[in-house]
Amino acid sequence: MERTAAIDRVETILETVEADTMPVPVREVWVYGDVAVGLDPIDRLDVYVTKDVLLGEGRDGDPNTETGSVPDALEGIRGIGSTVRAEWARQHPDLVRTNANGYAAPEKCLAAHLLPADEPVHLEVCNTGFDRNVTQRLNGAVARETYTEVLDPRGVCLWVDGERDADALDRLRESSFAMPTLEAALSMLGAEEAVAAEAAETMRRERNRSTGSSVRGDVV
């Protein structure tokens, strides 16, 4: 993916978050990995979204709250109004995605709204901020030796609580962020040198296998 196209995609994501009703409240938007480092072209565009939990929007599984009837496409889907906004689901029934248990899945709904299916973009969605989650995921992965769970800690925050960081976006376009190697970044978080090297190699292999858009949800 050409770097210019990747950053244009990032800006489109920011504009969409700012202008549209999202399936869940969005608190932060980050980019990390290749695009933050300044590579051109990049293998994949990695985007991290911090979401908030819905509060007081309607009873579980009932998209027919105060206004509107239930679209046929939402019949049988649970969690409308509790895991994703009922208003959003009524506006975008074609974008509602579910997990294996039939509940609306916030991370999949966000991906459907924000990402084109055919571009090499990965969306990471979590209820806690990027910095904290990077450390937690690394610690958990090291303990279990499951390095596919590790997040690349080289990130740039572009949007927080409704405010866009225009300077950060400009610097991203200019590739002016000084970033360490992936191994060095993992070592800075406390990983031993051999562990950091193995984790970095595992992460690269996983990226090489990935195609099209992808999404992963996480709860901390």
N, C-alpha and C. Protein backbone atom coordinates (compact mmCIF):
# COMPACT_ATOMS: atom_id res chain seq x y z
N MET A 1 0.85 -1.19 0.00
CA MET A 1 0.00 0.00 0.00
C MET A 1 0.89 1.24 0.00
N GLU A 2 0.67 2.14 -0.95
CA GLU A 2 1.46 3.37 -0.99
C GLU A 2 1.18 4.20 0.26
N ARG A 3 2.24 4.85 0.76
CA ARG A 3 2.10 5.61 1.99
C ARG A 3 1.06 6.73 1.87
N THR A 4 1.06 7.42 0.74
CA THR A 4 0.09 8.50 0.55
C THR A 4 -1.33 7.97 0.63
N ALA A 5 -1.58 6.83 0.01
CA ALA A 5 -2.92 6.23 0.06
C ALA A 5 -3.28 5.81 1.47
N ALA A 6 -2.29 5.30 2.21
CA ALA A 6 -2.55 4.87 3.59
C ALA A 6 -2.94 6.06 4.47
N ILE A 7 -2.23 7.16 4.32
CA ILE A 7 -2.54 8.33 5.16
C ILE A 7 -3.85 8.97 4.73
N ASP A 8 -4.15 8.94 3.44
CA ASP A 8 -5.46 9.40 2.99
C ASP A 8 -6.56 8.54 3.62
N ARG A 9 -6.32 7.23 3.72
CA ARG A 9 -7.30 6.35 4.36
C ARG A 9 -7.45 6.71 5.83
N VAL A 10 -6.35 6.99 6.51
CA VAL A 10 -6.40 7.40 7.92
C VAL A 10 -7.24 8.67 8.07
N GLU A 11 -7.02 9.63 7.19
CA GLU A 11 -7.78 10.88 7.28
C GLU A 11 -9.26 10.64 7.03
N THR A 12 -9.59 9.75 6.11
CA THR A 12 -10.99 9.40 5.87
C THR A 12 -11.61 8.76 7.11
N ILE A 13 -10.85 7.90 7.79
CA ILE A 13 -11.34 7.29 9.03
C ILE A 13 -11.62 8.36 10.07
N LEU A 14 -10.70 9.31 10.22
CA LEU A 14 -10.91 10.39 11.19
C LEU A 14 -12.15 11.21 10.85
N GLU A 15 -12.31 11.54 9.58
CA GLU A 15 -13.47 12.32 9.15
C GLU A 15 -14.77 11.56 9.42
N THR A 16 -14.75 10.26 9.21
CA THR A 16 -15.94 9.44 9.44
C THR A 16 -16.29 9.39 10.92
N VAL A 17 -15.28 9.20 11.77
CA VAL A 17 -15.51 9.18 13.22
C VAL A 17 -16.06 10.52 13.69
N GLU A 18 -15.57 11.61 13.10
CA GLU A 18 -16.02 12.94 13.50
C GLU A 18 -17.44 13.25 13.02
N ALA A 19 -17.80 12.76 11.84
CA ALA A 19 -19.05 13.17 11.22
C ALA A 19 -20.21 12.21 11.45
N ASP A 20 -19.94 10.92 11.57
CA ASP A 20 -21.00 9.92 11.60
C ASP A 20 -21.28 9.44 13.02
N THR A 21 -22.49 8.95 13.22
CA THR A 21 -22.78 8.18 14.43
C THR A 21 -22.06 6.85 14.32
N MET A 22 -21.27 6.53 15.34
CA MET A 22 -20.53 5.27 15.35
C MET A 22 -21.32 4.19 16.10
N PRO A 23 -21.04 2.92 15.85
CA PRO A 23 -21.76 1.86 16.57
C PRO A 23 -21.55 1.91 18.07
N VAL A 24 -20.39 2.40 18.51
CA VAL A 24 -20.09 2.61 19.93
C VAL A 24 -19.35 3.94 20.05
N PRO A 25 -19.36 4.56 21.24
CA PRO A 25 -18.60 5.80 21.41
C PRO A 25 -17.10 5.55 21.20
N VAL A 26 -16.47 6.42 20.43
CA VAL A 26 -15.03 6.32 20.16
C VAL A 26 -14.31 7.40 20.95
N ARG A 27 -13.28 6.99 21.70
CA ARG A 27 -12.53 7.92 22.54
C ARG A 27 -11.18 8.31 21.93
N GLU A 28 -10.51 7.36 21.30
CA GLU A 28 -9.19 7.62 20.73
C GLU A 28 -9.03 6.90 19.39
N VAL A 29 -8.22 7.51 18.51
CA VAL A 29 -7.81 6.86 17.27
C VAL A 29 -6.29 7.00 17.15
N TRP A 30 -5.63 5.87 17.00
CA TRP A 30 -4.18 5.81 16.82
C TRP A 30 -3.86 5.10 15.51
N VAL A 31 -2.65 5.33 15.00
CA VAL A 31 -2.05 4.44 14.01
C VAL A 31 -0.75 3.92 14.60
N TYR A 32 -0.34 2.75 14.15
CA TYR A 32 0.88 2.16 14.70
C TYR A 32 1.53 1.28 13.65
N GLY A 33 2.75 0.85 13.94
CA GLY A 33 3.44 -0.04 13.02
C GLY A 33 4.04 0.70 11.83
N ASP A 34 3.94 0.08 10.64
CA ASP A 34 4.64 0.57 9.45
C ASP A 34 4.38 2.04 9.16
N VAL A 35 3.13 2.46 9.25
CA VAL A 35 2.81 3.84 8.88
C VAL A 35 3.39 4.83 9.89
N ALA A 36 3.43 4.45 11.17
CA ALA A 36 4.01 5.33 12.19
C ALA A 36 5.52 5.43 12.04
N VAL A 37 6.14 4.32 11.62
CA VAL A 37 7.60 4.29 11.44
C VAL A 37 8.04 5.15 10.27
N GLY A 38 7.19 5.25 9.24
CA GLY A 38 7.53 6.06 8.08
C GLY A 38 7.84 5.27 6.83
N LEU A 39 7.53 3.96 6.81
CA LEU A 39 7.82 3.14 5.64
C LEU A 39 6.97 3.55 4.44
N ASP A 40 7.51 3.34 3.25
CA ASP A 40 6.78 3.62 2.02
C ASP A 40 7.35 2.72 0.92
N PRO A 41 6.54 1.79 0.39
CA PRO A 41 5.16 1.48 0.77
C PRO A 41 5.11 0.72 2.09
N ILE A 42 3.88 0.49 2.57
CA ILE A 42 3.69 -0.27 3.80
C ILE A 42 2.96 -1.57 3.48
N ASP A 43 3.25 -2.61 4.28
CA ASP A 43 2.56 -3.89 4.07
C ASP A 43 1.10 -3.81 4.47
N ARG A 44 0.85 -3.24 5.67
CA ARG A 44 -0.52 -3.08 6.16
C ARG A 44 -0.62 -1.79 6.96
N LEU A 45 -1.79 -1.19 6.91
CA LEU A 45 -2.09 -0.02 7.73
C LEU A 45 -2.74 -0.51 9.02
N ASP A 46 -2.14 -0.19 10.16
CA ASP A 46 -2.67 -0.61 11.46
C ASP A 46 -3.31 0.58 12.17
N VAL A 47 -4.57 0.42 12.54
CA VAL A 47 -5.33 1.48 13.21
C VAL A 47 -5.84 0.93 14.54
N TYR A 48 -5.72 1.74 15.58
CA TYR A 48 -6.18 1.34 16.92
C TYR A 48 -7.27 2.32 17.36
N VAL A 49 -8.39 1.78 17.78
CA VAL A 49 -9.52 2.59 18.27
C VAL A 49 -9.82 2.21 19.71
N THR A 50 -9.86 3.22 20.58
CA THR A 50 -10.31 3.02 21.96
C THR A 50 -11.79 3.34 22.02
N LYS A 51 -12.59 2.38 22.45
CA LYS A 51 -14.04 2.58 22.51
C LYS A 51 -14.50 2.69 23.96
N ASP A 52 -15.64 3.33 24.15
CA ASP A 52 -16.29 3.36 25.46
C ASP A 52 -17.47 2.41 25.46
N VAL A 53 -17.87 2.02 26.65
CA VAL A 53 -19.02 1.13 26.80
C VAL A 53 -20.30 1.95 26.70
N LEU A 54 -21.32 1.38 26.07
CA LEU A 54 -22.62 2.05 26.00
C LEU A 54 -23.29 2.04 27.37
N LEU A 55 -23.92 3.15 27.70
CA LEU A 55 -24.64 3.24 28.97
C LEU A 55 -26.04 3.79 28.73
N GLY A 56 -27.04 3.07 29.22
CA GLY A 56 -28.40 3.59 29.26
C GLY A 56 -29.04 3.88 27.94
N GLU A 57 -28.81 3.01 26.95
CA GLU A 57 -29.40 3.30 25.65
C GLU A 57 -30.59 2.40 25.32
N GLY A 58 -31.01 1.54 26.06
CA GLY A 58 -32.12 0.68 25.66
C GLY A 58 -31.85 -0.73 26.10
N ARG A 59 -32.90 -1.50 26.27
CA ARG A 59 -32.71 -2.82 26.85
C ARG A 59 -32.03 -3.76 25.87
N ASP A 60 -31.36 -4.74 26.40
CA ASP A 60 -30.57 -5.69 25.62
C ASP A 60 -31.41 -6.37 24.56
N GLY A 61 -30.88 -6.30 23.32
CA GLY A 61 -31.48 -7.04 22.23
C GLY A 61 -32.68 -6.38 21.60
N ASP A 62 -33.03 -5.12 21.97
CA ASP A 62 -34.22 -4.48 21.45
C ASP A 62 -33.85 -3.27 20.63
N PRO A 63 -33.76 -3.39 19.29
CA PRO A 63 -33.45 -2.23 18.48
C PRO A 63 -34.63 -1.29 18.34
N ASN A 64 -35.82 -1.69 18.76
CA ASN A 64 -37.02 -0.86 18.65
C ASN A 64 -37.21 -0.11 19.97
N THR A 65 -36.33 0.89 20.21
CA THR A 65 -36.42 1.68 21.43
C THR A 65 -37.39 2.81 21.22
N GLU A 66 -36.96 4.07 21.36
CA GLU A 66 -37.93 5.15 21.30
C GLU A 66 -38.50 5.40 19.90
N THR A 67 -37.65 5.25 18.86
CA THR A 67 -38.09 5.65 17.53
C THR A 67 -37.84 4.53 16.54
N GLY A 68 -38.71 4.47 15.52
CA GLY A 68 -38.50 3.55 14.42
C GLY A 68 -38.84 2.12 14.74
N SER A 69 -39.08 1.36 13.69
CA SER A 69 -39.36 -0.06 13.85
C SER A 69 -38.09 -0.85 13.59
N VAL A 70 -38.16 -2.13 13.87
CA VAL A 70 -37.00 -2.99 13.72
C VAL A 70 -36.83 -3.35 12.24
N PRO A 71 -35.70 -2.98 11.61
CA PRO A 71 -35.48 -3.42 10.23
C PRO A 71 -35.40 -4.95 10.18
N ASP A 72 -35.88 -5.50 9.07
CA ASP A 72 -35.87 -6.95 8.94
C ASP A 72 -34.47 -7.53 9.13
N ALA A 73 -33.46 -6.78 8.67
CA ALA A 73 -32.08 -7.28 8.75
C ALA A 73 -31.60 -7.46 10.18
N LEU A 74 -32.28 -6.83 11.16
CA LEU A 74 -31.84 -6.92 12.55
C LEU A 74 -32.60 -7.97 13.35
N GLU A 75 -33.59 -8.58 12.75
CA GLU A 75 -34.36 -9.60 13.47
C GLU A 75 -33.44 -10.73 13.93
N GLY A 76 -33.54 -11.08 15.20
CA GLY A 76 -32.76 -12.18 15.75
C GLY A 76 -31.37 -11.80 16.23
N ILE A 77 -30.94 -10.57 15.98
CA ILE A 77 -29.62 -10.13 16.45
C ILE A 77 -29.74 -9.59 17.86
N ARG A 78 -28.93 -10.09 18.76
CA ARG A 78 -28.97 -9.67 20.15
C ARG A 78 -27.92 -8.58 20.39
N GLY A 79 -28.17 -7.77 21.43
CA GLY A 79 -27.20 -6.77 21.83
C GLY A 79 -27.39 -5.41 21.21
N ILE A 80 -28.40 -5.25 20.34
CA ILE A 80 -28.67 -3.93 19.79
C ILE A 80 -29.18 -3.03 20.91
N GLY A 81 -28.51 -1.92 21.12
CA GLY A 81 -28.87 -1.02 22.22
C GLY A 81 -28.06 -1.25 23.47
N SER A 82 -27.32 -2.37 23.53
CA SER A 82 -26.47 -2.61 24.70
C SER A 82 -25.01 -2.81 24.31
N THR A 83 -24.74 -3.51 23.23
CA THR A 83 -23.35 -3.63 22.76
C THR A 83 -23.05 -2.67 21.61
N VAL A 84 -24.06 -2.34 20.81
CA VAL A 84 -23.92 -1.28 19.80
C VAL A 84 -25.14 -0.38 19.88
N ARG A 85 -24.97 0.83 19.42
CA ARG A 85 -26.06 1.81 19.48
C ARG A 85 -27.24 1.38 18.61
N ALA A 86 -28.44 1.48 19.19
CA ALA A 86 -29.65 1.16 18.44
C ALA A 86 -29.83 2.13 17.29
N GLU A 87 -29.54 3.41 17.53
CA GLU A 87 -29.67 4.43 16.48
C GLU A 87 -28.79 4.07 15.28
N TRP A 88 -27.54 3.71 15.58
CA TRP A 88 -26.63 3.35 14.49
C TRP A 88 -27.13 2.11 13.75
N ALA A 89 -27.60 1.11 14.48
CA ALA A 89 -28.07 -0.12 13.85
C ALA A 89 -29.26 0.14 12.93
N ARG A 90 -30.16 1.04 13.34
CA ARG A 90 -31.30 1.36 12.49
C ARG A 90 -30.86 2.10 11.24
N GLN A 91 -29.83 2.96 11.38
CA GLN A 91 -29.34 3.71 10.23
C GLN A 91 -28.54 2.84 9.27
N HIS A 92 -27.86 1.82 9.82
CA HIS A 92 -26.94 1.01 9.01
C HIS A 92 -27.17 -0.49 9.24
N PRO A 93 -28.35 -1.00 9.00
CA PRO A 93 -28.59 -2.42 9.26
C PRO A 93 -27.68 -3.33 8.43
N ASP A 94 -27.23 -2.83 7.27
CA ASP A 94 -26.35 -3.62 6.42
C ASP A 94 -24.93 -3.73 6.97
N LEU A 95 -24.59 -2.89 7.95
CA LEU A 95 -23.24 -2.90 8.52
C LEU A 95 -23.17 -3.63 9.86
N VAL A 96 -24.30 -4.09 10.37
CA VAL A 96 -24.30 -4.80 11.65
C VAL A 96 -23.64 -6.17 11.46
N ARG A 97 -22.66 -6.45 12.31
CA ARG A 97 -21.96 -7.73 12.28
C ARG A 97 -22.08 -8.39 13.64
N THR A 98 -22.08 -9.70 13.67
CA THR A 98 -22.29 -10.43 14.92
C THR A 98 -21.12 -11.35 15.23
N ASN A 99 -21.07 -11.77 16.51
CA ASN A 99 -20.10 -12.79 16.90
C ASN A 99 -20.75 -14.17 16.79
N ALA A 100 -20.03 -15.19 17.20
CA ALA A 100 -20.53 -16.57 17.05
C ALA A 100 -21.78 -16.84 17.87
N ASN A 101 -22.04 -16.02 18.89
CA ASN A 101 -23.21 -16.22 19.74
C ASN A 101 -24.43 -15.41 19.31
N GLY A 102 -24.31 -14.72 18.18
CA GLY A 102 -25.44 -13.96 17.67
C GLY A 102 -25.59 -12.57 18.24
N TYR A 103 -24.59 -12.11 18.99
CA TYR A 103 -24.62 -10.74 19.53
C TYR A 103 -23.91 -9.79 18.56
N ALA A 104 -24.42 -8.58 18.47
CA ALA A 104 -23.75 -7.55 17.69
C ALA A 104 -22.34 -7.34 18.25
N ALA A 105 -21.34 -7.39 17.38
CA ALA A 105 -19.93 -7.29 17.79
C ALA A 105 -19.42 -5.89 17.50
N PRO A 106 -19.13 -5.09 18.54
CA PRO A 106 -18.71 -3.70 18.31
C PRO A 106 -17.52 -3.56 17.38
N GLU A 107 -16.50 -4.41 17.56
CA GLU A 107 -15.29 -4.26 16.74
C GLU A 107 -15.58 -4.57 15.27
N LYS A 108 -16.43 -5.58 15.02
CA LYS A 108 -16.76 -5.92 13.64
C LYS A 108 -17.65 -4.85 13.00
N CYS A 109 -18.53 -4.27 13.81
CA CYS A 109 -19.39 -3.19 13.30
C CYS A 109 -18.56 -1.96 12.97
N LEU A 110 -17.60 -1.63 13.82
CA LEU A 110 -16.70 -0.50 13.54
C LEU A 110 -15.92 -0.75 12.25
N ALA A 111 -15.40 -1.95 12.09
CA ALA A 111 -14.64 -2.26 10.89
C ALA A 111 -15.50 -2.15 9.64
N ALA A 112 -16.74 -2.64 9.73
CA ALA A 112 -17.64 -2.56 8.58
C ALA A 112 -17.93 -1.12 8.21
N HIS A 113 -18.02 -0.24 9.21
CA HIS A 113 -18.32 1.17 8.96
C HIS A 113 -17.10 1.94 8.47
N LEU A 114 -15.91 1.60 8.98
CA LEU A 114 -14.73 2.42 8.74
C LEU A 114 -13.81 1.92 7.63
N LEU A 115 -13.82 0.62 7.34
CA LEU A 115 -12.80 0.07 6.45
C LEU A 115 -13.40 -0.50 5.17
N PRO A 116 -12.75 -0.25 4.04
CA PRO A 116 -13.10 -0.98 2.82
C PRO A 116 -12.60 -2.42 2.94
N ALA A 117 -13.34 -3.35 2.41
CA ALA A 117 -13.02 -4.77 2.61
C ALA A 117 -11.77 -5.20 1.88
N ASP A 118 -11.40 -4.48 0.81
CA ASP A 118 -10.32 -4.98 -0.06
C ASP A 118 -8.98 -4.32 0.19
N GLU A 119 -8.86 -3.41 1.16
CA GLU A 119 -7.59 -2.75 1.43
C GLU A 119 -6.86 -3.43 2.58
N PRO A 120 -5.52 -3.42 2.56
CA PRO A 120 -4.74 -4.07 3.63
C PRO A 120 -4.70 -3.22 4.89
N VAL A 121 -5.81 -3.20 5.60
CA VAL A 121 -5.95 -2.38 6.81
C VAL A 121 -6.38 -3.28 7.96
N HIS A 122 -5.71 -3.15 9.10
CA HIS A 122 -6.10 -3.89 10.30
C HIS A 122 -6.62 -2.91 11.34
N LEU A 123 -7.77 -3.22 11.93
CA LEU A 123 -8.36 -2.39 12.98
C LEU A 123 -8.31 -3.14 14.30
N GLU A 124 -7.71 -2.52 15.28
CA GLU A 124 -7.64 -3.07 16.64
C GLU A 124 -8.58 -2.23 17.50
N VAL A 125 -9.52 -2.87 18.20
CA VAL A 125 -10.52 -2.16 19.00
C VAL A 125 -10.44 -2.65 20.44
N CYS A 126 -10.34 -1.71 21.38
CA CYS A 126 -10.23 -2.08 22.79
C CYS A 126 -10.89 -1.01 23.65
N ASN A 127 -11.23 -1.40 24.87
CA ASN A 127 -11.86 -0.47 25.81
C ASN A 127 -10.84 0.31 26.63
N THR A 128 -9.56 0.09 26.39
CA THR A 128 -8.53 0.86 27.09
C THR A 128 -7.56 1.46 26.09
N GLY A 129 -6.80 2.46 26.53
CA GLY A 129 -5.93 3.19 25.63
C GLY A 129 -4.78 2.37 25.08
N PHE A 130 -4.20 2.87 24.01
CA PHE A 130 -3.14 2.16 23.29
C PHE A 130 -1.95 1.87 24.19
N ASP A 131 -1.43 2.88 24.88
CA ASP A 131 -0.22 2.70 25.69
C ASP A 131 -0.39 1.60 26.73
N ARG A 132 -1.51 1.62 27.42
CA ARG A 132 -1.74 0.61 28.46
C ARG A 132 -1.91 -0.78 27.84
N ASN A 133 -2.63 -0.85 26.75
CA ASN A 133 -2.91 -2.15 26.14
C ASN A 133 -1.65 -2.77 25.56
N VAL A 134 -0.78 -1.94 24.99
CA VAL A 134 0.48 -2.45 24.46
C VAL A 134 1.25 -3.21 25.54
N THR A 135 1.36 -2.60 26.72
CA THR A 135 2.10 -3.22 27.82
C THR A 135 1.41 -4.49 28.30
N GLN A 136 0.08 -4.41 28.48
CA GLN A 136 -0.66 -5.58 28.97
C GLN A 136 -0.56 -6.75 28.00
N ARG A 137 -0.69 -6.46 26.71
CA ARG A 137 -0.65 -7.53 25.71
C ARG A 137 0.73 -8.17 25.66
N LEU A 138 1.78 -7.34 25.76
CA LEU A 138 3.13 -7.89 25.74
C LEU A 138 3.36 -8.78 26.96
N ASN A 139 2.97 -8.31 28.12
CA ASN A 139 3.17 -9.11 29.34
C ASN A 139 2.43 -10.43 29.26
N GLY A 140 1.19 -10.39 28.78
CA GLY A 140 0.41 -11.62 28.65
C GLY A 140 0.99 -12.57 27.62
N ALA A 141 1.45 -12.01 26.50
CA ALA A 141 2.03 -12.84 25.44
C ALA A 141 3.32 -13.50 25.89
N VAL A 142 4.14 -12.76 26.63
CA VAL A 142 5.40 -13.32 27.14
C VAL A 142 5.11 -14.45 28.12
N ALA A 143 4.12 -14.24 28.99
CA ALA A 143 3.78 -15.27 29.98
C ALA A 143 3.28 -16.55 29.32
N ARG A 144 2.54 -16.39 28.21
CA ARG A 144 1.96 -17.56 27.52
C ARG A 144 2.78 -18.02 26.31
N GLU A 145 3.79 -17.21 25.96
CA GLU A 145 4.60 -17.47 24.76
C GLU A 145 3.73 -17.54 23.52
N THR A 146 2.76 -16.62 23.44
CA THR A 146 1.87 -16.52 22.27
C THR A 146 2.08 -15.14 21.66
N TYR A 147 3.11 -15.01 20.86
CA TYR A 147 3.54 -13.69 20.42
C TYR A 147 2.67 -13.08 19.33
N THR A 148 1.74 -13.85 18.79
CA THR A 148 0.81 -13.27 17.82
C THR A 148 -0.10 -12.24 18.48
N GLU A 149 -0.19 -12.24 19.80
CA GLU A 149 -1.05 -11.29 20.51
C GLU A 149 -0.39 -9.93 20.74
N VAL A 150 0.91 -9.83 20.45
CA VAL A 150 1.65 -8.60 20.76
C VAL A 150 1.25 -7.49 19.80
N LEU A 151 1.08 -6.28 20.34
CA LEU A 151 0.84 -5.09 19.53
C LEU A 151 2.16 -4.36 19.30
N ASP A 152 2.37 -3.87 18.09
CA ASP A 152 3.53 -3.04 17.81
C ASP A 152 3.39 -1.74 18.63
N PRO A 153 4.33 -1.47 19.54
CA PRO A 153 4.17 -0.31 20.42
C PRO A 153 4.49 1.03 19.78
N ARG A 154 4.93 1.03 18.54
CA ARG A 154 5.31 2.28 17.88
C ARG A 154 4.05 2.93 17.30
N GLY A 155 3.42 3.77 18.11
CA GLY A 155 2.13 4.34 17.73
C GLY A 155 2.11 5.85 17.77
N VAL A 156 1.13 6.42 17.06
CA VAL A 156 0.91 7.87 17.01
C VAL A 156 -0.56 8.13 17.28
N CYS A 157 -0.85 8.94 18.28
CA CYS A 157 -2.24 9.30 18.60
C CYS A 157 -2.68 10.46 17.71
N LEU A 158 -3.80 10.28 17.01
CA LEU A 158 -4.28 11.29 16.08
C LEU A 158 -5.57 11.97 16.51
N TRP A 159 -6.31 11.36 17.44
CA TRP A 159 -7.64 11.89 17.77
C TRP A 159 -8.00 11.43 19.17
N VAL A 160 -8.39 12.39 20.03
CA VAL A 160 -8.77 12.06 21.41
C VAL A 160 -9.98 12.88 21.80
N ASP A 161 -11.04 12.21 22.25
CA ASP A 161 -12.23 12.88 22.80
C ASP A 161 -12.74 14.00 21.90
N GLY A 162 -12.83 13.71 20.61
CA GLY A 162 -13.39 14.67 19.67
C GLY A 162 -12.43 15.68 19.10
N GLU A 163 -11.17 15.64 19.52
CA GLU A 163 -10.17 16.62 19.06
C GLU A 163 -9.13 15.92 18.19
N ARG A 164 -8.96 16.43 16.97
CA ARG A 164 -7.94 15.89 16.08
C ARG A 164 -6.61 16.59 16.33
N ASP A 165 -5.53 15.82 16.32
CA ASP A 165 -4.19 16.38 16.45
C ASP A 165 -3.65 16.63 15.05
N ALA A 166 -3.87 17.85 14.54
CA ALA A 166 -3.48 18.18 13.17
C ALA A 166 -1.97 18.11 13.00
N ASP A 167 -1.23 18.50 14.03
CA ASP A 167 0.23 18.46 13.96
C ASP A 167 0.72 17.02 13.81
N ALA A 168 0.12 16.10 14.56
CA ALA A 168 0.52 14.70 14.46
C ALA A 168 0.24 14.15 13.06
N LEU A 169 -0.89 14.53 12.48
CA LEU A 169 -1.22 14.06 11.13
C LEU A 169 -0.24 14.62 10.11
N ASP A 170 0.13 15.90 10.26
CA ASP A 170 1.12 16.49 9.35
C ASP A 170 2.46 15.78 9.48
N ARG A 171 2.87 15.50 10.70
CA ARG A 171 4.15 14.82 10.91
C ARG A 171 4.11 13.39 10.35
N LEU A 172 2.93 12.78 10.42
CA LEU A 172 2.78 11.45 9.84
C LEU A 172 2.98 11.52 8.33
N ARG A 173 2.39 12.53 7.70
CA ARG A 173 2.56 12.70 6.26
C ARG A 173 4.03 12.92 5.90
N GLU A 174 4.73 13.63 6.77
CA GLU A 174 6.14 13.96 6.52
C GLU A 174 7.10 12.86 6.96
N SER A 175 6.58 11.81 7.57
CA SER A 175 7.41 10.71 8.10
C SER A 175 8.47 11.24 9.07
N SER A 176 8.06 12.15 9.94
CA SER A 176 9.04 12.83 10.80
C SER A 176 9.09 12.29 12.23
N PHE A 177 8.36 11.22 12.51
CA PHE A 177 8.45 10.61 13.84
C PHE A 177 9.67 9.69 13.90
N ALA A 178 10.48 9.89 14.92
CA ALA A 178 11.65 9.02 15.12
C ALA A 178 11.22 7.79 15.91
N MET A 179 11.32 6.64 15.29
CA MET A 179 10.86 5.40 15.92
C MET A 179 11.99 4.37 15.96
N PRO A 180 12.07 3.58 17.03
CA PRO A 180 13.07 2.51 17.11
C PRO A 180 12.65 1.32 16.26
N THR A 181 13.54 0.35 16.15
CA THR A 181 13.15 -0.92 15.52
C THR A 181 12.10 -1.60 16.40
N LEU A 182 11.38 -2.55 15.81
CA LEU A 182 10.36 -3.27 16.57
C LEU A 182 10.97 -3.99 17.76
N GLU A 183 12.12 -4.65 17.54
CA GLU A 183 12.78 -5.35 18.63
C GLU A 183 13.15 -4.39 19.75
N ALA A 184 13.70 -3.24 19.39
CA ALA A 184 14.10 -2.26 20.40
C ALA A 184 12.89 -1.71 21.15
N ALA A 185 11.79 -1.49 20.43
CA ALA A 185 10.59 -0.97 21.08
C ALA A 185 10.05 -1.97 22.10
N LEU A 186 10.08 -3.26 21.76
CA LEU A 186 9.61 -4.29 22.69
C LEU A 186 10.55 -4.40 23.89
N SER A 187 11.84 -4.25 23.65
CA SER A 187 12.80 -4.28 24.75
C SER A 187 12.59 -3.12 25.71
N MET A 188 12.23 -1.96 25.17
CA MET A 188 11.97 -0.79 26.01
C MET A 188 10.80 -1.02 26.96
N LEU A 189 9.91 -1.93 26.58
CA LEU A 189 8.76 -2.25 27.44
C LEU A 189 9.07 -3.36 28.42
N GLY A 190 10.31 -3.86 28.40
CA GLY A 190 10.71 -4.84 29.40
C GLY A 190 10.97 -6.24 28.89
N ALA A 191 10.77 -6.47 27.58
CA ALA A 191 11.02 -7.81 27.03
C ALA A 191 12.53 -8.06 26.96
N GLU A 192 12.94 -9.26 27.32
CA GLU A 192 14.34 -9.62 27.16
C GLU A 192 14.70 -9.65 25.67
N GLU A 193 15.98 -9.48 25.38
CA GLU A 193 16.42 -9.34 23.99
C GLU A 193 15.98 -10.52 23.12
N ALA A 194 16.16 -11.74 23.61
CA ALA A 194 15.78 -12.91 22.82
C ALA A 194 14.27 -12.98 22.62
N VAL A 195 13.52 -12.64 23.66
CA VAL A 195 12.06 -12.64 23.57
C VAL A 195 11.59 -11.58 22.59
N ALA A 196 12.18 -10.39 22.66
CA ALA A 196 11.81 -9.31 21.74
C ALA A 196 12.07 -9.72 20.29
N ALA A 197 13.19 -10.39 20.04
CA ALA A 197 13.51 -10.82 18.69
C ALA A 197 12.52 -11.87 18.19
N GLU A 198 12.19 -12.83 19.05
CA GLU A 198 11.24 -13.88 18.65
C GLU A 198 9.84 -13.30 18.43
N ALA A 199 9.43 -12.41 19.31
CA ALA A 199 8.11 -11.79 19.16
C ALA A 199 8.04 -10.98 17.87
N ALA A 200 9.08 -10.22 17.58
CA ALA A 200 9.09 -9.40 16.37
C ALA A 200 9.02 -10.27 15.12
N GLU A 201 9.75 -11.37 15.11
CA GLU A 201 9.73 -12.27 13.96
C GLU A 201 8.36 -12.91 13.79
N THR A 202 7.74 -13.30 14.90
CA THR A 202 6.39 -13.87 14.84
C THR A 202 5.40 -12.86 14.29
N MET A 203 5.50 -11.61 14.73
CA MET A 203 4.60 -10.57 14.25
C MET A 203 4.77 -10.34 12.76
N ARG A 204 6.00 -10.38 12.27
CA ARG A 204 6.24 -10.18 10.84
C ARG A 204 5.64 -11.33 10.02
N ARG A 205 5.78 -12.55 10.50
CA ARG A 205 5.21 -13.70 9.79
C ARG A 205 3.69 -13.58 9.70
N GLU A 206 3.07 -13.17 10.81
CA GLU A 206 1.61 -13.02 10.81
C GLU A 206 1.18 -11.95 9.81
N ARG A 207 1.92 -10.86 9.74
CA ARG A 207 1.56 -9.79 8.81
C ARG A 207 1.67 -10.27 7.37
N ASN A 208 2.69 -11.06 7.08
CA ASN A 208 2.89 -11.54 5.72
C ASN A 208 1.76 -12.47 5.27
N ARG A 209 1.09 -13.11 6.24
CA ARG A 209 -0.02 -14.01 5.91
C ARG A 209 -1.34 -13.25 5.70
N SER A 210 -1.40 -12.02 6.16
CA SER A 210 -2.67 -11.29 6.18
C SER A 210 -2.97 -10.67 4.82
N THR A 211 -4.25 -10.68 4.45
CA THR A 211 -4.70 -10.04 3.22
C THR A 211 -6.00 -9.31 3.50
N GLY A 212 -6.27 -8.27 2.71
CA GLY A 212 -7.51 -7.51 2.87
C GLY A 212 -7.61 -6.87 4.24
N SER A 213 -8.80 -6.45 4.60
CA SER A 213 -9.01 -5.82 5.90
C SER A 213 -9.24 -6.87 6.97
N SER A 214 -8.90 -6.52 8.21
CA SER A 214 -9.08 -7.44 9.34
C SER A 214 -9.37 -6.63 10.58
N VAL A 215 -9.90 -7.30 11.60
CA VAL A 215 -10.26 -6.61 12.84
C VAL A 215 -10.08 -7.56 14.01
N ARG A 216 -9.70 -7.00 15.14
CA ARG A 216 -9.61 -7.78 16.38
C ARG A 216 -10.14 -6.92 17.52
N GLY A 217 -11.00 -7.50 18.33
CA GLY A 217 -11.53 -6.83 19.51
C GLY A 217 -10.86 -7.34 20.76
N ASP A 218 -10.67 -6.47 21.74
CA ASP A 218 -9.99 -6.84 22.97
C ASP A 218 -10.65 -6.10 24.13
N VAL A 219 -10.73 -6.75 25.28
CA VAL A 219 -11.27 -6.13 26.49
C VAL A 219 -10.23 -6.29 27.59
N VAL A 220 -9.87 -5.19 28.23
CA VAL A 220 -8.87 -5.21 29.30
C VAL A 220 -9.55 -4.86 30.61
